[in-house]
Amino acid sequence: MVRLEARARLFAVSLSAVAGFVDGVGFMQSGGFFVSFMSGNSTRLGVGLVERASHAALAAALIASFVMGVAGGAIAARGRVARKPVVLALVAVALALAALCGSLGAGVAALLLAAFAMGAENATFEEGGEVRIGLTYMTGTLVKIGQRLAAALTGRKDGAWLPYLQLWMGLVGGAVLGTFAQARLQANALWIAAVLTAGLALIARRESRA
């Protein structure tokens, strides 16, 4: 994150905000499950296996959809010089389908497609088969903030923690907006995320041609 140029960093924060938006909507629509935070769903899976099988089944399905999205994003962009527009186009399509399903009353399908989209989004900054920046989950980012704060406080040169804080704030801010949108638009809230992602895909395409 700290090695990115200012424009690329802003792009990453914007994508993290979209992830927070989608996760906020998904959390509200599902009654406490996540479409981007699979650590939380893994805990819900474990608890559900003991207390409620239907909760375990939904958590497992969301995790599987997310993993398939990661794989789908990586496959779609494989061998392409400009990977960001391709990955984000896939994310936008998946979010549009999720929004359509939600509008038609197919709530579970909407959640699974949203989870697929969030998994695919993580391929945006993939390099050499590894994800450079996790856009939809923040545990690693918070660890980086703590590590960089420790470095700054002890006088080491690698103490740049602000970029990681910006990434985290993007996701939290997006979650606030997603919750606000869900409260007012209900099933139609995901259309906003689909349009925003499509716009980011167009920006990425334009920059790849520059």
N, C-alpha and C. Protein backbone atom coordinates (compact mmCIF):
# COMPACT_ATOMS: atom_id res chain seq x y z
N MET A 1 0.83 -1.21 0.00
CA MET A 1 0.00 0.00 0.00
C MET A 1 0.87 1.26 0.00
N VAL A 2 1.93 1.28 0.81
CA VAL A 2 2.76 2.47 0.92
C VAL A 2 3.57 2.70 -0.36
N ARG A 3 3.74 1.67 -1.19
CA ARG A 3 4.52 1.81 -2.42
C ARG A 3 3.69 2.32 -3.59
N LEU A 4 2.39 2.43 -3.40
CA LEU A 4 1.53 2.89 -4.48
C LEU A 4 1.63 4.40 -4.63
N GLU A 5 1.46 4.87 -5.88
CA GLU A 5 1.36 6.30 -6.12
C GLU A 5 0.04 6.81 -5.54
N ALA A 6 -0.04 8.13 -5.38
CA ALA A 6 -1.22 8.72 -4.74
C ALA A 6 -2.50 8.35 -5.48
N ARG A 7 -2.47 8.35 -6.82
CA ARG A 7 -3.66 8.03 -7.60
C ARG A 7 -4.09 6.58 -7.38
N ALA A 8 -3.10 5.67 -7.40
CA ALA A 8 -3.40 4.25 -7.19
C ALA A 8 -3.89 4.00 -5.77
N ARG A 9 -3.35 4.74 -4.83
CA ARG A 9 -3.77 4.60 -3.44
C ARG A 9 -5.22 5.04 -3.28
N LEU A 10 -5.58 6.15 -3.92
CA LEU A 10 -6.97 6.62 -3.87
C LEU A 10 -7.90 5.61 -4.52
N PHE A 11 -7.44 4.98 -5.59
CA PHE A 11 -8.22 3.96 -6.28
C PHE A 11 -8.47 2.78 -5.34
N ALA A 12 -7.43 2.35 -4.62
CA ALA A 12 -7.57 1.24 -3.68
C ALA A 12 -8.53 1.59 -2.55
N VAL A 13 -8.45 2.81 -2.04
CA VAL A 13 -9.35 3.23 -0.97
C VAL A 13 -10.79 3.26 -1.48
N SER A 14 -10.98 3.70 -2.73
CA SER A 14 -12.32 3.72 -3.32
C SER A 14 -12.90 2.32 -3.42
N LEU A 15 -12.07 1.36 -3.84
CA LEU A 15 -12.53 -0.02 -3.94
C LEU A 15 -12.84 -0.60 -2.56
N SER A 16 -12.05 -0.22 -1.58
CA SER A 16 -12.32 -0.67 -0.22
C SER A 16 -13.64 -0.09 0.29
N ALA A 17 -13.93 1.15 -0.10
CA ALA A 17 -15.20 1.76 0.28
C ALA A 17 -16.38 1.03 -0.36
N VAL A 18 -16.22 0.62 -1.63
CA VAL A 18 -17.26 -0.16 -2.28
C VAL A 18 -17.48 -1.47 -1.53
N ALA A 19 -16.38 -2.11 -1.12
CA ALA A 19 -16.50 -3.37 -0.36
C ALA A 19 -17.23 -3.15 0.96
N GLY A 20 -16.90 -2.05 1.64
CA GLY A 20 -17.60 -1.74 2.88
C GLY A 20 -19.08 -1.49 2.65
N PHE A 21 -19.39 -0.79 1.56
CA PHE A 21 -20.78 -0.53 1.20
C PHE A 21 -21.54 -1.83 0.99
N VAL A 22 -20.96 -2.72 0.18
CA VAL A 22 -21.61 -4.00 -0.13
C VAL A 22 -21.75 -4.85 1.14
N ASP A 23 -20.72 -4.84 1.96
CA ASP A 23 -20.77 -5.65 3.19
C ASP A 23 -21.82 -5.10 4.15
N GLY A 24 -21.93 -3.78 4.22
CA GLY A 24 -22.96 -3.18 5.07
C GLY A 24 -24.36 -3.57 4.61
N VAL A 25 -24.58 -3.50 3.28
CA VAL A 25 -25.87 -3.89 2.72
C VAL A 25 -26.14 -5.37 3.00
N GLY A 26 -25.13 -6.21 2.73
CA GLY A 26 -25.30 -7.64 2.94
C GLY A 26 -25.56 -8.00 4.39
N PHE A 27 -24.87 -7.31 5.28
CA PHE A 27 -25.05 -7.56 6.72
C PHE A 27 -26.49 -7.26 7.14
N MET A 28 -27.00 -6.14 6.65
CA MET A 28 -28.36 -5.75 7.00
C MET A 28 -29.39 -6.68 6.37
N GLN A 29 -29.17 -7.04 5.11
CA GLN A 29 -30.14 -7.89 4.41
C GLN A 29 -30.18 -9.30 4.97
N SER A 30 -29.03 -9.80 5.43
CA SER A 30 -28.95 -11.19 5.89
C SER A 30 -29.21 -11.34 7.38
N GLY A 31 -29.25 -10.23 8.09
CA GLY A 31 -29.45 -10.32 9.53
C GLY A 31 -28.20 -10.74 10.29
N GLY A 32 -27.05 -10.29 9.82
CA GLY A 32 -25.83 -10.53 10.59
C GLY A 32 -24.78 -11.40 9.95
N PHE A 33 -24.88 -11.62 8.64
CA PHE A 33 -23.83 -12.34 7.92
C PHE A 33 -23.07 -11.35 7.04
N PHE A 34 -21.94 -11.80 6.50
CA PHE A 34 -21.07 -10.91 5.76
C PHE A 34 -20.91 -11.40 4.32
N VAL A 35 -20.67 -10.45 3.40
CA VAL A 35 -20.38 -10.85 2.02
C VAL A 35 -18.94 -10.54 1.63
N SER A 36 -18.19 -9.89 2.52
CA SER A 36 -16.78 -9.66 2.23
C SER A 36 -15.86 -10.10 3.35
N PHE A 37 -16.37 -10.22 4.56
CA PHE A 37 -15.55 -10.54 5.74
C PHE A 37 -15.72 -12.01 6.07
N MET A 38 -14.86 -12.85 5.50
CA MET A 38 -15.03 -14.29 5.65
C MET A 38 -14.55 -14.83 6.99
N SER A 39 -13.73 -14.07 7.71
CA SER A 39 -13.39 -14.49 9.07
C SER A 39 -14.63 -14.50 9.94
N GLY A 40 -15.46 -13.46 9.79
CA GLY A 40 -16.71 -13.40 10.53
C GLY A 40 -17.64 -14.54 10.17
N ASN A 41 -17.72 -14.85 8.86
CA ASN A 41 -18.57 -15.96 8.44
C ASN A 41 -18.03 -17.30 8.90
N SER A 42 -16.72 -17.41 9.00
CA SER A 42 -16.13 -18.65 9.50
C SER A 42 -16.53 -18.87 10.96
N THR A 43 -16.56 -17.79 11.74
CA THR A 43 -17.03 -17.90 13.12
C THR A 43 -18.52 -18.24 13.15
N ARG A 44 -19.30 -17.60 12.27
CA ARG A 44 -20.73 -17.92 12.20
C ARG A 44 -20.96 -19.37 11.81
N LEU A 45 -20.09 -19.90 10.94
CA LEU A 45 -20.18 -21.30 10.56
C LEU A 45 -19.94 -22.20 11.76
N GLY A 46 -18.90 -21.91 12.51
CA GLY A 46 -18.59 -22.73 13.69
C GLY A 46 -19.70 -22.69 14.72
N VAL A 47 -20.21 -21.49 15.00
CA VAL A 47 -21.30 -21.35 15.97
C VAL A 47 -22.56 -22.05 15.46
N GLY A 48 -22.83 -21.88 14.15
CA GLY A 48 -24.02 -22.49 13.58
C GLY A 48 -24.01 -24.00 13.61
N LEU A 49 -22.81 -24.59 13.47
CA LEU A 49 -22.72 -26.05 13.53
C LEU A 49 -23.16 -26.59 14.89
N VAL A 50 -23.06 -25.75 15.91
CA VAL A 50 -23.48 -26.16 17.26
C VAL A 50 -24.92 -25.74 17.54
N GLU A 51 -25.28 -24.53 17.12
CA GLU A 51 -26.56 -23.98 17.55
C GLU A 51 -27.66 -23.97 16.50
N ARG A 52 -27.31 -23.76 15.21
CA ARG A 52 -28.37 -23.63 14.21
C ARG A 52 -27.83 -24.00 12.83
N ALA A 53 -28.29 -25.11 12.30
CA ALA A 53 -27.75 -25.64 11.05
C ALA A 53 -27.99 -24.70 9.87
N SER A 54 -29.11 -23.99 9.84
CA SER A 54 -29.40 -23.09 8.72
C SER A 54 -28.40 -21.94 8.66
N HIS A 55 -27.97 -21.47 9.82
CA HIS A 55 -26.96 -20.41 9.85
C HIS A 55 -25.61 -20.95 9.35
N ALA A 56 -25.29 -22.16 9.75
CA ALA A 56 -24.05 -22.78 9.29
C ALA A 56 -24.07 -22.95 7.77
N ALA A 57 -25.21 -23.34 7.23
CA ALA A 57 -25.32 -23.55 5.79
C ALA A 57 -25.14 -22.25 5.02
N LEU A 58 -25.75 -21.16 5.51
CA LEU A 58 -25.62 -19.88 4.83
C LEU A 58 -24.18 -19.38 4.90
N ALA A 59 -23.57 -19.50 6.08
CA ALA A 59 -22.17 -19.07 6.22
C ALA A 59 -21.26 -19.85 5.29
N ALA A 60 -21.46 -21.15 5.20
CA ALA A 60 -20.64 -21.99 4.33
C ALA A 60 -20.84 -21.61 2.87
N ALA A 61 -22.08 -21.33 2.49
CA ALA A 61 -22.37 -20.95 1.10
C ALA A 61 -21.72 -19.61 0.75
N LEU A 62 -21.74 -18.67 1.68
CA LEU A 62 -21.10 -17.37 1.44
C LEU A 62 -19.59 -17.51 1.30
N ILE A 63 -19.00 -18.34 2.15
CA ILE A 63 -17.56 -18.57 2.07
C ILE A 63 -17.20 -19.20 0.73
N ALA A 64 -17.96 -20.19 0.31
CA ALA A 64 -17.70 -20.86 -0.96
C ALA A 64 -17.84 -19.88 -2.13
N SER A 65 -18.86 -19.03 -2.09
CA SER A 65 -19.06 -18.05 -3.15
C SER A 65 -17.91 -17.06 -3.21
N PHE A 66 -17.45 -16.63 -2.06
CA PHE A 66 -16.32 -15.70 -2.00
C PHE A 66 -15.07 -16.33 -2.62
N VAL A 67 -14.79 -17.57 -2.25
CA VAL A 67 -13.61 -18.27 -2.78
C VAL A 67 -13.73 -18.43 -4.29
N MET A 68 -14.92 -18.77 -4.77
CA MET A 68 -15.13 -18.89 -6.20
C MET A 68 -14.94 -17.54 -6.90
N GLY A 69 -15.32 -16.48 -6.23
CA GLY A 69 -15.10 -15.15 -6.78
C GLY A 69 -13.62 -14.81 -6.90
N VAL A 70 -12.85 -15.15 -5.88
CA VAL A 70 -11.40 -14.94 -5.95
C VAL A 70 -10.82 -15.68 -7.14
N ALA A 71 -11.22 -16.95 -7.27
CA ALA A 71 -10.74 -17.76 -8.40
C ALA A 71 -11.20 -17.18 -9.73
N GLY A 72 -12.47 -16.76 -9.79
CA GLY A 72 -13.00 -16.19 -11.03
C GLY A 72 -12.29 -14.93 -11.44
N GLY A 73 -12.00 -14.06 -10.47
CA GLY A 73 -11.28 -12.83 -10.78
C GLY A 73 -9.88 -13.10 -11.29
N ALA A 74 -9.20 -14.04 -10.65
CA ALA A 74 -7.84 -14.39 -11.07
C ALA A 74 -7.83 -14.99 -12.46
N ILE A 75 -8.81 -15.86 -12.75
CA ILE A 75 -8.87 -16.49 -14.08
C ILE A 75 -9.20 -15.46 -15.16
N ALA A 76 -10.15 -14.58 -14.86
CA ALA A 76 -10.57 -13.58 -15.85
C ALA A 76 -9.43 -12.65 -16.25
N ALA A 77 -8.55 -12.34 -15.31
CA ALA A 77 -7.47 -11.39 -15.58
C ALA A 77 -6.16 -12.06 -15.98
N ARG A 78 -6.12 -13.37 -15.96
CA ARG A 78 -4.85 -14.07 -16.23
C ARG A 78 -4.35 -13.76 -17.64
N GLY A 79 -3.09 -13.40 -17.72
CA GLY A 79 -2.45 -13.14 -19.00
C GLY A 79 -2.74 -11.78 -19.59
N ARG A 80 -3.50 -10.94 -18.90
CA ARG A 80 -3.84 -9.62 -19.40
C ARG A 80 -2.92 -8.56 -18.79
N VAL A 81 -2.45 -7.66 -19.64
CA VAL A 81 -1.59 -6.58 -19.15
C VAL A 81 -2.40 -5.63 -18.28
N ALA A 82 -3.59 -5.25 -18.75
CA ALA A 82 -4.47 -4.36 -17.99
C ALA A 82 -5.51 -5.22 -17.28
N ARG A 83 -5.19 -5.66 -16.08
CA ARG A 83 -6.08 -6.57 -15.37
C ARG A 83 -7.20 -5.85 -14.63
N LYS A 84 -6.96 -4.64 -14.17
CA LYS A 84 -7.95 -3.96 -13.34
C LYS A 84 -9.30 -3.78 -14.04
N PRO A 85 -9.34 -3.29 -15.29
CA PRO A 85 -10.65 -3.12 -15.93
C PRO A 85 -11.42 -4.43 -16.08
N VAL A 86 -10.70 -5.52 -16.37
CA VAL A 86 -11.35 -6.82 -16.55
C VAL A 86 -11.95 -7.30 -15.23
N VAL A 87 -11.15 -7.23 -14.18
CA VAL A 87 -11.61 -7.69 -12.87
C VAL A 87 -12.80 -6.85 -12.40
N LEU A 88 -12.70 -5.54 -12.55
CA LEU A 88 -13.77 -4.67 -12.06
C LEU A 88 -15.04 -4.79 -12.91
N ALA A 89 -14.89 -5.09 -14.19
CA ALA A 89 -16.08 -5.36 -15.01
C ALA A 89 -16.79 -6.60 -14.51
N LEU A 90 -16.03 -7.64 -14.16
CA LEU A 90 -16.62 -8.85 -13.59
C LEU A 90 -17.33 -8.55 -12.28
N VAL A 91 -16.70 -7.75 -11.44
CA VAL A 91 -17.31 -7.37 -10.15
C VAL A 91 -18.60 -6.60 -10.38
N ALA A 92 -18.57 -5.65 -11.32
CA ALA A 92 -19.76 -4.84 -11.60
C ALA A 92 -20.91 -5.70 -12.10
N VAL A 93 -20.62 -6.65 -12.98
CA VAL A 93 -21.66 -7.54 -13.50
C VAL A 93 -22.25 -8.39 -12.38
N ALA A 94 -21.38 -8.94 -11.53
CA ALA A 94 -21.86 -9.77 -10.42
C ALA A 94 -22.72 -8.95 -9.46
N LEU A 95 -22.33 -7.70 -9.20
CA LEU A 95 -23.11 -6.85 -8.31
C LEU A 95 -24.45 -6.47 -8.95
N ALA A 96 -24.45 -6.24 -10.27
CA ALA A 96 -25.70 -5.94 -10.95
C ALA A 96 -26.65 -7.13 -10.89
N LEU A 97 -26.12 -8.33 -11.06
CA LEU A 97 -26.95 -9.53 -10.95
C LEU A 97 -27.46 -9.70 -9.52
N ALA A 98 -26.60 -9.38 -8.54
CA ALA A 98 -27.02 -9.45 -7.14
C ALA A 98 -28.15 -8.47 -6.88
N ALA A 99 -28.01 -7.25 -7.41
CA ALA A 99 -29.06 -6.25 -7.24
C ALA A 99 -30.35 -6.68 -7.90
N LEU A 100 -30.24 -7.29 -9.09
CA LEU A 100 -31.43 -7.77 -9.79
C LEU A 100 -32.13 -8.86 -8.99
N CYS A 101 -31.34 -9.80 -8.48
CA CYS A 101 -31.92 -10.87 -7.66
C CYS A 101 -32.61 -10.30 -6.42
N GLY A 102 -31.96 -9.33 -5.79
CA GLY A 102 -32.56 -8.70 -4.63
C GLY A 102 -33.87 -8.02 -4.96
N SER A 103 -33.90 -7.34 -6.12
CA SER A 103 -35.12 -6.64 -6.54
C SER A 103 -36.25 -7.62 -6.83
N LEU A 104 -35.89 -8.84 -7.25
CA LEU A 104 -36.89 -9.85 -7.58
C LEU A 104 -37.28 -10.71 -6.37
N GLY A 105 -36.68 -10.42 -5.22
CA GLY A 105 -37.02 -11.16 -4.01
C GLY A 105 -36.19 -12.39 -3.75
N ALA A 106 -35.15 -12.62 -4.56
CA ALA A 106 -34.27 -13.78 -4.36
C ALA A 106 -33.10 -13.36 -3.48
N GLY A 107 -33.38 -13.21 -2.20
CA GLY A 107 -32.41 -12.64 -1.27
C GLY A 107 -31.14 -13.45 -1.11
N VAL A 108 -31.27 -14.77 -1.01
CA VAL A 108 -30.08 -15.62 -0.81
C VAL A 108 -29.18 -15.57 -2.04
N ALA A 109 -29.78 -15.62 -3.23
CA ALA A 109 -28.99 -15.52 -4.46
C ALA A 109 -28.27 -14.19 -4.53
N ALA A 110 -28.92 -13.13 -4.09
CA ALA A 110 -28.29 -11.81 -4.09
C ALA A 110 -27.07 -11.80 -3.18
N LEU A 111 -27.20 -12.40 -2.01
CA LEU A 111 -26.08 -12.45 -1.07
C LEU A 111 -24.91 -13.25 -1.64
N LEU A 112 -25.21 -14.38 -2.26
CA LEU A 112 -24.15 -15.23 -2.81
C LEU A 112 -23.43 -14.54 -3.96
N LEU A 113 -24.17 -13.84 -4.81
CA LEU A 113 -23.55 -13.10 -5.91
C LEU A 113 -22.72 -11.93 -5.39
N ALA A 114 -23.19 -11.29 -4.34
CA ALA A 114 -22.41 -10.20 -3.73
C ALA A 114 -21.11 -10.73 -3.15
N ALA A 115 -21.17 -11.89 -2.51
CA ALA A 115 -19.95 -12.51 -1.96
C ALA A 115 -18.98 -12.88 -3.09
N PHE A 116 -19.52 -13.41 -4.20
CA PHE A 116 -18.69 -13.72 -5.36
C PHE A 116 -17.99 -12.45 -5.85
N ALA A 117 -18.75 -11.35 -5.94
CA ALA A 117 -18.19 -10.08 -6.41
C ALA A 117 -17.07 -9.60 -5.50
N MET A 118 -17.27 -9.72 -4.20
CA MET A 118 -16.24 -9.26 -3.27
C MET A 118 -14.99 -10.13 -3.33
N GLY A 119 -15.17 -11.42 -3.56
CA GLY A 119 -14.01 -12.27 -3.75
C GLY A 119 -13.24 -11.87 -4.99
N ALA A 120 -13.96 -11.62 -6.09
CA ALA A 120 -13.32 -11.24 -7.34
C ALA A 120 -12.59 -9.91 -7.22
N GLU A 121 -13.13 -8.99 -6.44
CA GLU A 121 -12.51 -7.67 -6.30
C GLU A 121 -11.07 -7.76 -5.78
N ASN A 122 -10.79 -8.78 -4.99
CA ASN A 122 -9.45 -8.91 -4.43
C ASN A 122 -8.39 -9.24 -5.47
N ALA A 123 -8.81 -9.62 -6.67
CA ALA A 123 -7.85 -9.88 -7.75
C ALA A 123 -7.40 -8.60 -8.43
N THR A 124 -7.96 -7.46 -8.05
CA THR A 124 -7.63 -6.19 -8.69
C THR A 124 -6.14 -5.87 -8.56
N PHE A 125 -5.60 -6.09 -7.37
CA PHE A 125 -4.19 -5.77 -7.13
C PHE A 125 -3.36 -7.05 -6.97
N GLU A 126 -3.76 -8.09 -7.66
CA GLU A 126 -2.98 -9.33 -7.62
C GLU A 126 -1.72 -9.18 -8.47
N GLU A 127 -0.66 -9.75 -8.01
CA GLU A 127 0.61 -9.70 -8.75
C GLU A 127 1.41 -10.96 -8.46
N GLY A 128 1.80 -11.66 -9.53
CA GLY A 128 2.57 -12.88 -9.35
C GLY A 128 1.81 -13.96 -8.60
N GLY A 129 0.48 -13.97 -8.77
CA GLY A 129 -0.32 -14.98 -8.09
C GLY A 129 -0.62 -14.67 -6.64
N GLU A 130 -0.21 -13.50 -6.15
CA GLU A 130 -0.46 -13.12 -4.76
C GLU A 130 -1.20 -11.79 -4.71
N VAL A 131 -2.12 -11.68 -3.77
CA VAL A 131 -2.88 -10.43 -3.59
C VAL A 131 -2.01 -9.43 -2.84
N ARG A 132 -1.70 -8.32 -3.50
CA ARG A 132 -0.86 -7.29 -2.87
C ARG A 132 -1.62 -6.50 -1.82
N ILE A 133 -2.89 -6.21 -2.10
CA ILE A 133 -3.70 -5.40 -1.19
C ILE A 133 -5.03 -6.09 -1.00
N GLY A 134 -5.36 -6.45 0.23
CA GLY A 134 -6.66 -7.00 0.53
C GLY A 134 -7.67 -5.88 0.64
N LEU A 135 -8.62 -5.83 -0.28
CA LEU A 135 -9.56 -4.71 -0.35
C LEU A 135 -10.82 -4.93 0.45
N THR A 136 -11.16 -6.17 0.75
CA THR A 136 -12.46 -6.47 1.36
C THR A 136 -12.35 -6.98 2.79
N TYR A 137 -11.16 -7.07 3.32
CA TYR A 137 -10.98 -7.53 4.70
C TYR A 137 -9.84 -6.72 5.32
N MET A 138 -9.96 -6.38 6.58
CA MET A 138 -9.09 -5.39 7.18
C MET A 138 -8.23 -5.89 8.33
N THR A 139 -8.31 -7.16 8.68
CA THR A 139 -7.49 -7.64 9.80
C THR A 139 -6.01 -7.44 9.51
N GLY A 140 -5.57 -7.84 8.32
CA GLY A 140 -4.17 -7.66 7.95
C GLY A 140 -3.79 -6.20 7.90
N THR A 141 -4.71 -5.35 7.45
CA THR A 141 -4.45 -3.91 7.39
C THR A 141 -4.28 -3.33 8.78
N LEU A 142 -5.11 -3.75 9.72
CA LEU A 142 -4.98 -3.27 11.10
C LEU A 142 -3.67 -3.74 11.73
N VAL A 143 -3.25 -4.97 11.38
CA VAL A 143 -1.95 -5.46 11.86
C VAL A 143 -0.84 -4.56 11.32
N LYS A 144 -0.95 -4.19 10.02
CA LYS A 144 0.05 -3.31 9.43
C LYS A 144 0.09 -1.95 10.12
N ILE A 145 -1.09 -1.42 10.48
CA ILE A 145 -1.13 -0.15 11.19
C ILE A 145 -0.37 -0.26 12.51
N GLY A 146 -0.63 -1.34 13.25
CA GLY A 146 0.06 -1.53 14.52
C GLY A 146 1.56 -1.68 14.35
N GLN A 147 1.97 -2.45 13.34
CA GLN A 147 3.39 -2.65 13.09
C GLN A 147 4.08 -1.34 12.70
N ARG A 148 3.43 -0.58 11.81
CA ARG A 148 4.03 0.68 11.36
C ARG A 148 4.04 1.72 12.48
N LEU A 149 3.02 1.71 13.34
CA LEU A 149 3.04 2.62 14.50
C LEU A 149 4.21 2.29 15.42
N ALA A 150 4.42 1.00 15.64
CA ALA A 150 5.56 0.59 16.47
C ALA A 150 6.87 1.05 15.85
N ALA A 151 6.98 0.93 14.53
CA ALA A 151 8.20 1.36 13.85
C ALA A 151 8.39 2.86 13.98
N ALA A 152 7.30 3.62 13.83
CA ALA A 152 7.39 5.08 13.93
C ALA A 152 7.77 5.51 15.33
N LEU A 153 7.21 4.85 16.33
CA LEU A 153 7.48 5.21 17.71
C LEU A 153 8.89 4.86 18.15
N THR A 154 9.49 3.90 17.47
CA THR A 154 10.86 3.50 17.82
C THR A 154 11.89 4.09 16.86
N GLY A 155 11.44 5.02 16.00
CA GLY A 155 12.39 5.74 15.16
C GLY A 155 12.84 5.02 13.91
N ARG A 156 12.18 3.92 13.53
CA ARG A 156 12.57 3.22 12.31
C ARG A 156 11.98 3.92 11.10
N LYS A 157 12.58 3.71 9.94
CA LYS A 157 12.20 4.43 8.73
C LYS A 157 10.90 3.89 8.10
N ASP A 158 10.54 2.65 8.40
CA ASP A 158 9.36 2.05 7.77
C ASP A 158 8.10 2.23 8.63
N GLY A 159 7.91 3.47 9.09
CA GLY A 159 6.79 3.74 10.00
C GLY A 159 5.61 4.43 9.34
N ALA A 160 5.43 4.26 8.02
CA ALA A 160 4.33 4.91 7.30
C ALA A 160 3.04 4.12 7.53
N TRP A 161 2.24 4.55 8.47
CA TRP A 161 1.02 3.83 8.82
C TRP A 161 -0.25 4.47 8.23
N LEU A 162 -0.15 5.74 7.80
CA LEU A 162 -1.33 6.46 7.33
C LEU A 162 -2.00 5.81 6.12
N PRO A 163 -1.26 5.31 5.11
CA PRO A 163 -1.94 4.67 3.97
C PRO A 163 -2.82 3.50 4.39
N TYR A 164 -2.39 2.73 5.36
CA TYR A 164 -3.19 1.60 5.83
C TYR A 164 -4.43 2.09 6.59
N LEU A 165 -4.26 3.18 7.34
CA LEU A 165 -5.40 3.77 8.04
C LEU A 165 -6.44 4.27 7.03
N GLN A 166 -5.97 4.86 5.93
CA GLN A 166 -6.89 5.34 4.90
C GLN A 166 -7.68 4.19 4.29
N LEU A 167 -7.01 3.07 4.06
CA LEU A 167 -7.69 1.90 3.50
C LEU A 167 -8.77 1.41 4.45
N TRP A 168 -8.45 1.34 5.73
CA TRP A 168 -9.43 0.91 6.74
C TRP A 168 -10.60 1.88 6.82
N MET A 169 -10.29 3.18 6.80
CA MET A 169 -11.34 4.19 6.88
C MET A 169 -12.24 4.14 5.65
N GLY A 170 -11.66 3.78 4.49
CA GLY A 170 -12.48 3.62 3.30
C GLY A 170 -13.54 2.56 3.49
N LEU A 171 -13.14 1.41 4.04
CA LEU A 171 -14.09 0.33 4.25
C LEU A 171 -15.16 0.72 5.28
N VAL A 172 -14.74 1.35 6.37
CA VAL A 172 -15.71 1.75 7.40
C VAL A 172 -16.67 2.79 6.85
N GLY A 173 -16.13 3.76 6.12
CA GLY A 173 -17.00 4.79 5.52
C GLY A 173 -17.99 4.18 4.54
N GLY A 174 -17.52 3.23 3.74
CA GLY A 174 -18.41 2.55 2.81
C GLY A 174 -19.50 1.79 3.53
N ALA A 175 -19.15 1.16 4.65
CA ALA A 175 -20.16 0.42 5.43
C ALA A 175 -21.22 1.35 5.98
N VAL A 176 -20.81 2.53 6.40
CA VAL A 176 -21.79 3.52 6.88
C VAL A 176 -22.76 3.90 5.77
N LEU A 177 -22.22 4.18 4.57
CA LEU A 177 -23.07 4.56 3.45
C LEU A 177 -23.96 3.40 3.00
N GLY A 178 -23.41 2.17 3.04
CA GLY A 178 -24.20 1.01 2.66
C GLY A 178 -25.36 0.78 3.60
N THR A 179 -25.12 0.95 4.88
CA THR A 179 -26.19 0.79 5.87
C THR A 179 -27.26 1.87 5.68
N PHE A 180 -26.80 3.09 5.41
CA PHE A 180 -27.73 4.20 5.15
C PHE A 180 -28.58 3.91 3.92
N ALA A 181 -27.93 3.42 2.84
CA ALA A 181 -28.65 3.12 1.60
C ALA A 181 -29.63 1.96 1.79
N GLN A 182 -29.21 0.94 2.52
CA GLN A 182 -30.06 -0.22 2.76
C GLN A 182 -31.32 0.16 3.53
N ALA A 183 -31.17 1.06 4.48
CA ALA A 183 -32.32 1.47 5.28
C ALA A 183 -33.37 2.19 4.44
N ARG A 184 -32.94 2.80 3.34
CA ARG A 184 -33.86 3.59 2.53
C ARG A 184 -34.27 2.92 1.22
N LEU A 185 -33.36 2.11 0.67
CA LEU A 185 -33.63 1.50 -0.64
C LEU A 185 -33.87 0.00 -0.57
N GLN A 186 -33.60 -0.61 0.58
CA GLN A 186 -33.76 -2.04 0.77
C GLN A 186 -33.03 -2.82 -0.34
N ALA A 187 -33.75 -3.66 -1.05
CA ALA A 187 -33.13 -4.56 -2.01
C ALA A 187 -32.44 -3.85 -3.17
N ASN A 188 -32.80 -2.60 -3.40
CA ASN A 188 -32.23 -1.86 -4.53
C ASN A 188 -30.89 -1.20 -4.20
N ALA A 189 -30.44 -1.30 -2.96
CA ALA A 189 -29.21 -0.61 -2.55
C ALA A 189 -27.98 -1.09 -3.33
N LEU A 190 -27.95 -2.35 -3.70
CA LEU A 190 -26.77 -2.88 -4.40
C LEU A 190 -26.60 -2.31 -5.80
N TRP A 191 -27.65 -1.73 -6.38
CA TRP A 191 -27.50 -1.08 -7.68
C TRP A 191 -26.47 0.05 -7.60
N ILE A 192 -26.43 0.73 -6.47
CA ILE A 192 -25.46 1.82 -6.29
C ILE A 192 -24.04 1.28 -6.39
N ALA A 193 -23.79 0.17 -5.71
CA ALA A 193 -22.45 -0.43 -5.74
C ALA A 193 -22.08 -0.90 -7.14
N ALA A 194 -23.07 -1.45 -7.86
CA ALA A 194 -22.81 -1.92 -9.22
C ALA A 194 -22.42 -0.75 -10.13
N VAL A 195 -23.14 0.36 -10.01
CA VAL A 195 -22.84 1.54 -10.84
C VAL A 195 -21.48 2.12 -10.47
N LEU A 196 -21.18 2.21 -9.18
CA LEU A 196 -19.89 2.75 -8.75
C LEU A 196 -18.74 1.88 -9.26
N THR A 197 -18.89 0.59 -9.18
CA THR A 197 -17.83 -0.31 -9.64
C THR A 197 -17.65 -0.22 -11.15
N ALA A 198 -18.76 -0.10 -11.88
CA ALA A 198 -18.67 0.07 -13.33
C ALA A 198 -17.91 1.36 -13.66
N GLY A 199 -18.17 2.41 -12.89
CA GLY A 199 -17.44 3.66 -13.10
C GLY A 199 -15.96 3.51 -12.84
N LEU A 200 -15.60 2.79 -11.79
CA LEU A 200 -14.18 2.54 -11.49
C LEU A 200 -13.54 1.68 -12.56
N ALA A 201 -14.31 0.75 -13.14
CA ALA A 201 -13.78 -0.07 -14.23
C ALA A 201 -13.46 0.80 -15.44
N LEU A 202 -14.33 1.77 -15.74
CA LEU A 202 -14.09 2.67 -16.86
C LEU A 202 -12.86 3.55 -16.61
N ILE A 203 -12.71 4.00 -15.38
CA ILE A 203 -11.53 4.80 -15.03
C ILE A 203 -10.26 3.97 -15.20
N ALA A 204 -10.31 2.72 -14.72
CA ALA A 204 -9.14 1.84 -14.85
C ALA A 204 -8.82 1.57 -16.32
N ARG A 205 -9.86 1.41 -17.13
CA ARG A 205 -9.64 1.17 -18.56
C ARG A 205 -8.99 2.38 -19.23
N ARG A 206 -9.47 3.56 -18.89
CA ARG A 206 -8.92 4.78 -19.47
C ARG A 206 -7.45 4.96 -19.08
N GLU A 207 -7.14 4.70 -17.81
CA GLU A 207 -5.77 4.85 -17.36
C GLU A 207 -4.84 3.80 -17.96
N SER A 208 -5.37 2.62 -18.23
CA SER A 208 -4.53 1.57 -18.83
C SER A 208 -4.16 1.90 -20.27
N ARG A 209 -4.97 2.76 -20.90
CA ARG A 209 -4.70 3.16 -22.28
C ARG A 209 -3.85 4.41 -22.37
N ALA A 210 -3.69 5.10 -21.23
CA ALA A 210 -2.95 6.35 -21.24
C ALA A 210 -1.45 6.12 -21.45
